[in-house]
Amino acid sequence: MKKQMIIAGLKARPVRSIVTIMAVSLEVILILVIIGLTNGITKETARRTEGVGAEIMVQPSGASAIIALAENSMPLAIGDKIKELAGVKAVAPVMIKLNIEGGIENIFGIDSHFTEVTGGFQWHDGNLFKSPDEIVVDDLWAASKPAKVGDTVELLNHKLKVVGIVEHGQGARIFMSMDEMSNLTGQMARAGTFFVKVNDPAQTKVVKAEIEQLLPGYTLRDVKDLETLLTSSNIPGLGIFINAVVSVALIIGVLVIFLSMYTTITERTREIGILRALGASKGFIVGLIFLETTAVCILGVIFGTGASFLIQRVLQAEFPTMMIEITRDWMLWAAIFAIISGIIGSFYPSIKAASQDPVEALAYE
């Protein structure tokens, strides 16, 4: 009986039902897309850093786990000292520049040691830079511009020629010679990080301890643990941002559900009066309102989740370098938040409906 009444109630007011479902969907989309974007950026950064092929990262004291924020302050001679350790196979100094012109992209200034660590690029087209004004880009960056080998692009307020396109996933999206980055940025050629490849990955902790003794005060990170470090609890401000997004989404859901159900209760005053006159208890009325709200929220979650995946595909097709990672955990949390907003939003309207006097309700025009 309740099921039939809920379906009849939703059909009787199709526009309001659709708008409410869309509002709940918006709540779900807001959570999944924005949180998916933050997760995608951090995890993809970790995966690209791990894709360099090094086991250890050496950074300046107090450096962030986000290497794009690193200061290029370490003398290149440090790399020679690390290379002298018995367990070290190769060391690659890297100058790092965060470019925010037309987006956010990471630029690596590298030398010949970089390929010793990575094992070499996987080439789609072209070759490594040979002249100062040449750069190599990854395939996603090239697709996003779009750019091909031989094209001239503006970067760091300079015209640079794309001479190679490589497979994405090896640290940065743009590579240039360390000397060229030094010239373009006006900085002395210093490293923001050293990527260290060891002879035996099983001995990573041993080599890391040796480097810590050699370079006291520097920040050393196990690259395989980097993804666990790039979380909301370890990145300043990210946790607050996520909480703010969830709070705004929850408030939107609560207000829309409240307005919708409150208006519905007012319009159904006479119907509720009939139910009460027929012997329906207050608990029955409250349960009916909650069930109808739950049905709306479930439909909103379904449509919102589907729309989130659609938005993910559209954005990644339009902006190949934009990574949105929608996880099962956040799909579950989005559904829970939608149901919670429905319960909170329908609480007062359901109590108001259950408290109506049957005689007054039947006389309501």
Protein backbone atom coordinates (compact mmCIF):
# COMPACT_ATOMS: atom_id res chain seq x y z
CA MET A 1 0.00 0.00 0.00
CA LYS A 2 2.77 2.43 0.96
CA LYS A 3 4.61 1.66 -2.28
CA GLN A 4 1.52 2.50 -4.37
CA MET A 5 0.95 5.72 -2.41
CA ILE A 6 4.57 6.81 -2.88
CA ILE A 7 4.50 6.15 -6.63
CA ALA A 8 1.13 7.92 -6.93
CA GLY A 9 2.49 10.90 -4.97
CA LEU A 10 5.52 11.23 -7.24
CA LYS A 11 3.41 10.91 -10.39
CA ALA A 12 0.84 13.42 -9.16
CA ARG A 13 3.49 16.17 -9.05
CA PRO A 14 5.94 15.20 -11.83
CA VAL A 15 7.63 18.59 -12.18
CA ARG A 16 8.34 18.92 -8.47
CA SER A 17 9.49 15.30 -8.29
CA ILE A 18 11.87 15.77 -11.23
CA VAL A 19 13.28 19.02 -9.83
CA THR A 20 13.86 17.39 -6.43
CA ILE A 21 15.56 14.38 -8.02
CA MET A 22 17.74 16.74 -10.08
CA ALA A 23 18.69 18.66 -6.94
CA VAL A 24 19.77 15.47 -5.19
CA SER A 25 21.65 14.51 -8.35
CA LEU A 26 23.41 17.88 -8.23
CA GLU A 27 24.46 17.15 -4.66
CA VAL A 28 25.94 13.81 -5.73
CA ILE A 29 27.62 15.33 -8.81
CA LEU A 30 29.15 18.12 -6.74
CA ILE A 31 30.72 15.59 -4.38
CA LEU A 32 31.86 13.00 -6.93
CA VAL A 33 33.23 15.34 -9.60
CA ILE A 34 35.07 17.80 -7.35
CA ILE A 35 36.40 15.15 -4.97
CA GLY A 36 37.21 12.98 -7.99
CA LEU A 37 39.16 15.87 -9.47
CA THR A 38 41.25 16.38 -6.30
CA ASN A 39 41.84 12.63 -5.99
CA GLY A 40 42.69 12.36 -9.66
CA ILE A 41 45.25 15.14 -9.54
CA THR A 42 47.03 13.86 -6.42
CA LYS A 43 47.02 10.19 -7.39
CA GLU A 44 48.03 10.87 -10.98
CA THR A 45 50.89 13.03 -9.69
CA ALA A 46 52.02 10.14 -7.48
CA ARG A 47 51.76 7.66 -10.36
CA ARG A 48 53.76 9.89 -12.69
CA THR A 49 56.44 10.36 -10.07
CA GLU A 50 56.63 6.62 -9.52
CA GLY A 51 56.75 6.19 -13.30
CA VAL A 52 60.17 7.86 -13.37
CA GLY A 53 61.56 4.52 -12.21
CA ALA A 54 63.46 5.72 -9.14
CA GLU A 55 63.10 4.18 -5.69
CA ILE A 56 64.14 7.22 -3.65
CA MET A 57 63.53 10.95 -3.92
CA VAL A 58 65.94 13.40 -2.26
CA GLN A 59 64.46 16.85 -1.59
CA PRO A 60 65.43 19.96 0.36
CA SER A 61 64.68 20.08 4.08
CA GLY A 62 60.96 20.37 4.81
CA ALA A 63 59.96 19.93 1.17
CA SER A 64 56.38 19.05 0.30
CA ALA A 65 55.46 15.61 -1.04
CA ILE A 66 54.10 17.49 -4.07
CA ILE A 67 57.30 17.86 -6.07
CA ALA A 68 55.83 20.67 -8.19
CA LEU A 69 56.16 22.88 -5.11
CA ALA A 70 59.84 22.07 -4.62
CA GLU A 71 62.48 24.79 -4.47
CA ASN A 72 65.43 24.40 -6.82
CA SER A 73 67.98 24.89 -4.07
CA MET A 74 70.19 21.80 -4.02
CA PRO A 75 73.69 21.92 -5.61
CA LEU A 76 74.13 19.45 -8.46
CA ALA A 77 77.27 18.15 -6.80
CA ILE A 78 75.07 16.34 -4.28
CA GLY A 79 74.15 13.90 -7.04
CA ASP A 80 77.80 12.92 -7.47
CA LYS A 81 78.10 12.20 -3.73
CA ILE A 82 74.99 10.02 -3.76
CA LYS A 83 76.24 8.14 -6.84
CA GLU A 84 79.36 7.09 -4.93
CA LEU A 85 77.30 4.94 -2.56
CA ALA A 86 77.63 1.22 -3.29
CA GLY A 87 73.91 0.49 -3.57
CA VAL A 88 73.12 3.34 -5.97
CA LYS A 89 72.76 2.61 -9.68
CA ALA A 90 71.94 6.08 -11.04
CA VAL A 91 71.08 9.58 -9.82
CA ALA A 92 69.14 12.16 -11.83
CA PRO A 93 69.01 15.81 -10.73
CA VAL A 94 65.83 17.59 -11.85
CA MET A 95 64.96 21.27 -11.91
CA ILE A 96 61.24 21.77 -11.41
CA LYS A 97 58.99 24.58 -12.56
CA LEU A 98 55.25 24.87 -12.00
CA ASN A 99 53.69 26.65 -14.96
CA ILE A 100 50.23 28.16 -14.37
CA GLU A 101 49.80 29.92 -17.70
CA GLY A 102 46.69 28.48 -19.33
CA GLY A 103 46.46 25.69 -16.76
CA ILE A 104 48.61 23.92 -14.23
CA GLU A 105 51.48 21.88 -15.63
CA ASN A 106 54.75 20.54 -14.34
CA ILE A 107 57.99 21.19 -16.24
CA PHE A 108 61.18 19.18 -15.66
CA GLY A 109 64.62 20.49 -16.46
CA ILE A 110 66.72 17.37 -17.00
CA ASP A 111 70.13 16.19 -18.18
CA SER A 112 71.45 12.90 -19.53
CA HIS A 113 71.23 11.23 -16.11
CA PHE A 114 67.42 11.25 -16.31
CA THR A 115 67.33 8.50 -18.92
CA GLU A 116 69.74 6.43 -16.79
CA VAL A 117 67.08 6.37 -14.08
CA THR A 118 64.01 5.99 -16.28
CA GLY A 119 65.51 3.58 -18.79
CA GLY A 120 64.58 6.01 -21.57
CA PHE A 121 61.40 7.58 -22.89
CA GLN A 122 58.76 5.69 -24.85
CA TRP A 123 58.65 7.74 -28.03
CA HIS A 124 55.50 8.49 -30.00
CA ASP A 125 57.29 10.82 -32.38
CA GLY A 126 60.47 12.89 -32.71
CA ASN A 127 63.55 12.80 -30.51
CA LEU A 128 65.21 14.37 -27.48
CA PHE A 129 66.02 18.09 -27.53
CA LYS A 130 69.41 19.09 -28.90
CA SER A 131 69.14 22.88 -28.99
CA PRO A 132 68.36 25.24 -26.10
CA ASP A 133 64.94 26.30 -27.45
CA GLU A 134 63.55 22.76 -27.83
CA ILE A 135 61.22 20.78 -25.59
CA VAL A 136 59.76 17.30 -25.33
CA VAL A 137 56.13 16.85 -24.23
CA ASP A 138 53.99 13.86 -23.32
CA ASP A 139 51.15 12.60 -25.52
CA LEU A 140 48.35 13.94 -23.28
CA TRP A 141 49.81 17.45 -23.26
CA ALA A 142 50.25 17.32 -27.04
CA ALA A 143 46.63 16.20 -27.47
CA SER A 144 45.29 18.92 -25.18
CA LYS A 145 46.84 21.85 -27.08
CA PRO A 146 46.91 20.30 -29.74
CA ALA A 147 50.58 20.23 -30.74
CA LYS A 148 52.77 18.03 -32.90
CA VAL A 149 56.47 17.66 -33.55
CA GLY A 150 57.77 20.78 -35.28
CA ASP A 151 55.19 23.13 -33.76
CA THR A 152 56.26 26.21 -31.84
CA VAL A 153 54.53 26.85 -28.52
CA GLU A 154 54.74 29.66 -26.00
CA LEU A 155 56.00 28.57 -22.62
CA LEU A 156 57.34 30.66 -19.76
CA ASN A 157 56.93 33.70 -22.01
CA HIS A 158 59.25 32.22 -24.65
CA LYS A 159 58.75 30.54 -28.02
CA LEU A 160 59.89 26.92 -27.85
CA LYS A 161 59.86 24.17 -30.45
CA VAL A 162 58.32 20.76 -29.79
CA VAL A 163 60.83 18.18 -31.04
CA GLY A 164 59.49 15.05 -29.37
CA ILE A 165 56.31 13.47 -28.01
CA VAL A 166 56.60 10.69 -25.43
CA GLU A 167 54.27 8.39 -23.54
CA HIS A 168 52.81 10.05 -20.45
CA GLY A 169 53.65 8.86 -16.96
CA GLN A 170 57.33 9.72 -16.42
CA GLY A 171 57.25 12.60 -13.98
CA ALA A 172 56.29 15.75 -15.87
CA ARG A 173 54.31 16.62 -18.97
CA ILE A 174 56.99 18.92 -20.37
CA PHE A 175 60.76 18.34 -20.46
CA MET A 176 63.58 20.69 -21.41
CA SER A 177 67.30 20.80 -20.79
CA MET A 178 68.34 21.92 -17.33
CA ASP A 179 70.47 24.69 -18.83
CA GLU A 180 67.50 26.02 -20.82
CA MET A 181 65.27 26.06 -17.73
CA SER A 182 68.01 27.88 -15.87
CA ASN A 183 68.12 30.51 -18.63
CA LEU A 184 64.33 30.89 -18.88
CA THR A 185 63.77 31.19 -15.14
CA GLY A 186 66.88 33.23 -14.38
CA GLN A 187 67.92 30.72 -11.72
CA MET A 188 71.22 29.00 -11.22
CA ALA A 189 71.15 25.38 -12.36
CA ARG A 190 70.19 23.64 -9.12
CA ALA A 191 68.03 20.62 -8.38
CA GLY A 192 64.56 20.63 -6.86
CA THR A 193 64.80 16.89 -6.41
CA PHE A 194 67.20 14.00 -7.06
CA PHE A 195 65.73 10.76 -8.33
CA VAL A 196 67.79 7.85 -7.06
CA LYS A 197 67.70 4.38 -8.64
CA VAL A 198 69.18 1.57 -6.57
CA ASN A 199 70.84 -1.61 -7.74
CA ASP A 200 68.49 -3.83 -5.77
CA PRO A 201 64.98 -2.48 -4.96
CA ALA A 202 64.86 -4.84 -1.97
CA GLN A 203 67.68 -2.78 -0.44
CA THR A 204 65.88 0.56 -0.81
CA LYS A 205 65.58 1.13 2.94
CA VAL A 206 69.27 0.37 3.46
CA VAL A 207 70.31 2.80 0.72
CA LYS A 208 67.90 5.40 2.04
CA ALA A 209 69.47 5.14 5.48
CA GLU A 210 72.94 5.60 3.95
CA ILE A 211 71.80 8.73 2.09
CA GLU A 212 70.28 10.09 5.31
CA GLN A 213 73.68 9.71 7.00
CA LEU A 214 75.39 11.33 4.01
CA LEU A 215 72.90 14.21 3.80
CA PRO A 216 71.53 14.96 7.27
CA GLY A 217 68.62 17.40 7.26
CA TYR A 218 67.47 16.63 3.71
CA THR A 219 64.04 15.13 3.03
CA LEU A 220 64.11 11.58 1.67
CA ARG A 221 61.01 9.76 0.42
CA ASP A 222 60.37 6.22 -0.71
CA VAL A 223 58.73 6.73 -4.10
CA LYS A 224 56.49 3.68 -3.68
CA ASP A 225 55.02 5.25 -0.55
CA LEU A 226 54.33 8.56 -2.26
CA GLU A 227 50.70 7.81 -3.14
CA THR A 228 49.91 7.19 0.53
CA LEU A 229 51.49 10.55 1.40
CA LEU A 230 49.38 12.51 -1.08
CA THR A 231 46.18 12.40 0.97
CA SER A 232 43.90 15.07 2.37
CA SER A 233 45.47 14.67 5.81
CA ASN A 234 49.01 15.29 4.50
CA ILE A 235 48.35 18.08 1.99
CA PRO A 236 47.72 21.41 3.74
CA GLY A 237 44.26 22.80 3.01
CA LEU A 238 43.02 19.82 0.97
CA GLY A 239 41.09 18.30 3.87
CA ILE A 240 39.42 21.64 4.60
CA PHE A 241 38.52 22.02 0.91
CA ILE A 242 36.96 18.54 0.76
CA ASN A 243 34.97 19.17 3.96
CA ALA A 244 33.74 22.49 2.54
CA VAL A 245 32.58 20.83 -0.70
CA VAL A 246 30.74 18.08 1.17
CA SER A 247 29.16 20.61 3.54
CA VAL A 248 27.90 22.80 0.69
CA ALA A 249 26.51 19.75 -1.13
CA LEU A 250 24.79 18.56 2.06
CA ILE A 251 23.26 21.99 2.69
CA ILE A 252 21.95 22.12 -0.88
CA GLY A 253 20.37 18.70 -0.46
CA VAL A 254 18.79 19.52 2.91
CA LEU A 255 17.28 22.82 1.73
CA VAL A 256 15.87 21.39 -1.50
CA ILE A 257 14.39 18.33 0.19
CA PHE A 258 12.94 20.49 2.97
CA LEU A 259 11.34 22.93 0.54
CA SER A 260 9.98 20.16 -1.67
CA MET A 261 8.55 18.05 1.14
CA TYR A 262 7.18 21.03 3.05
CA THR A 263 5.33 22.22 -0.06
CA THR A 264 4.15 18.68 -0.75
CA ILE A 265 2.78 18.32 2.78
CA THR A 266 0.88 21.60 2.44
CA GLU A 267 -0.67 20.48 -0.84
CA ARG A 268 -1.54 17.06 0.58
CA THR A 269 -3.12 18.32 3.79
CA ARG A 270 -6.54 17.00 2.83
CA GLU A 271 -5.08 13.62 1.76
CA ILE A 272 -3.28 13.31 5.08
CA GLY A 273 -6.49 14.19 6.89
CA ILE A 274 -8.29 11.36 5.13
CA LEU A 275 -5.54 8.92 6.12
CA ARG A 276 -5.70 10.06 9.73
CA ALA A 277 -9.51 9.79 9.72
CA LEU A 278 -9.21 6.24 8.43
CA GLY A 279 -7.05 5.38 11.42
CA ALA A 280 -3.53 5.93 10.13
CA SER A 281 -1.16 6.53 13.04
CA LYS A 282 1.34 9.37 13.31
CA GLY A 283 4.12 6.82 12.84
CA PHE A 284 2.50 5.65 9.59
CA ILE A 285 2.40 9.22 8.23
CA VAL A 286 6.01 9.93 9.27
CA GLY A 287 7.15 6.64 7.72
CA LEU A 288 5.30 7.41 4.51
CA ILE A 289 7.01 10.80 4.16
CA PHE A 290 10.42 9.30 4.91
CA LEU A 291 9.93 6.50 2.40
CA GLU A 292 8.89 8.95 -0.31
CA THR A 293 11.95 11.09 0.46
CA THR A 294 14.19 8.00 0.39
CA ALA A 295 12.80 7.02 -3.01
CA VAL A 296 13.55 10.50 -4.35
CA CYS A 297 17.08 10.38 -2.90
CA ILE A 298 17.80 6.94 -4.35
CA LEU A 299 16.70 8.09 -7.79
CA GLY A 300 18.84 11.21 -7.33
CA VAL A 301 21.86 9.11 -6.38
CA ILE A 302 21.42 6.87 -9.42
CA PHE A 303 21.08 9.76 -11.87
CA GLY A 304 23.79 11.80 -10.11
CA THR A 305 26.29 8.95 -10.23
CA GLY A 306 25.57 8.29 -13.88
CA ALA A 307 25.87 11.99 -14.70
CA SER A 308 29.18 12.15 -12.81
CA PHE A 309 30.70 9.42 -14.97
CA LEU A 310 29.35 11.17 -18.08
CA ILE A 311 30.93 14.47 -16.97
CA GLN A 312 34.18 12.60 -16.27
CA ARG A 313 34.29 11.25 -19.83
CA VAL A 314 33.36 14.56 -21.42
CA LEU A 315 35.96 16.53 -19.44
CA GLN A 316 38.73 14.02 -20.08
CA ALA A 317 37.88 13.95 -23.79
CA GLU A 318 37.95 17.76 -23.90
CA PHE A 319 40.91 18.19 -21.52
CA PRO A 320 43.13 15.06 -21.75
CA THR A 321 45.45 16.21 -18.94
CA MET A 322 42.57 16.59 -16.48
CA MET A 323 42.32 13.48 -14.32
CA ILE A 324 39.05 12.75 -12.47
CA GLU A 325 39.06 9.61 -10.35
CA ILE A 326 35.63 8.57 -9.04
CA THR A 327 36.15 5.88 -6.42
CA ARG A 328 33.71 3.38 -4.96
CA ASP A 329 34.32 4.78 -1.49
CA TRP A 330 33.19 8.25 -2.51
CA MET A 331 30.25 6.84 -4.47
CA LEU A 332 29.13 5.22 -1.22
CA TRP A 333 29.74 8.41 0.77
CA ALA A 334 27.84 10.51 -1.78
CA ALA A 335 24.87 8.14 -1.51
CA ILE A 336 25.02 8.27 2.30
CA PHE A 337 25.17 12.08 2.30
CA ALA A 338 22.21 12.24 -0.10
CA ILE A 339 20.13 9.97 2.15
CA ILE A 340 21.16 11.97 5.24
CA SER A 341 20.16 15.23 3.56
CA GLY A 342 16.81 13.63 2.70
CA ILE A 343 16.22 12.52 6.28
CA ILE A 344 17.17 15.92 7.71
CA GLY A 345 15.21 17.84 5.08
CA SER A 346 12.03 15.80 5.53
CA PHE A 347 12.15 15.57 9.34
CA TYR A 348 10.16 18.71 10.13
CA PRO A 349 7.65 18.30 7.25
CA SER A 350 6.95 14.71 8.34
CA ILE A 351 6.39 15.75 11.97
CA LYS A 352 4.13 18.59 10.79
CA ALA A 353 2.11 16.19 8.66
CA ALA A 354 1.73 13.66 11.46
CA SER A 355 0.62 16.36 13.90
CA GLN A 356 -2.27 17.62 11.78
CA ASP A 357 -5.74 17.34 13.27
CA PRO A 358 -7.88 15.05 11.05
CA VAL A 359 -10.96 17.31 11.26
CA GLU A 360 -9.02 20.47 10.37
CA ALA A 361 -7.19 18.64 7.60
CA LEU A 362 -10.44 17.42 6.05
CA ALA A 363 -11.80 20.96 6.11
CA TYR A 364 -8.64 22.37 4.45
CA GLU A 365 -9.28 23.98 1.07
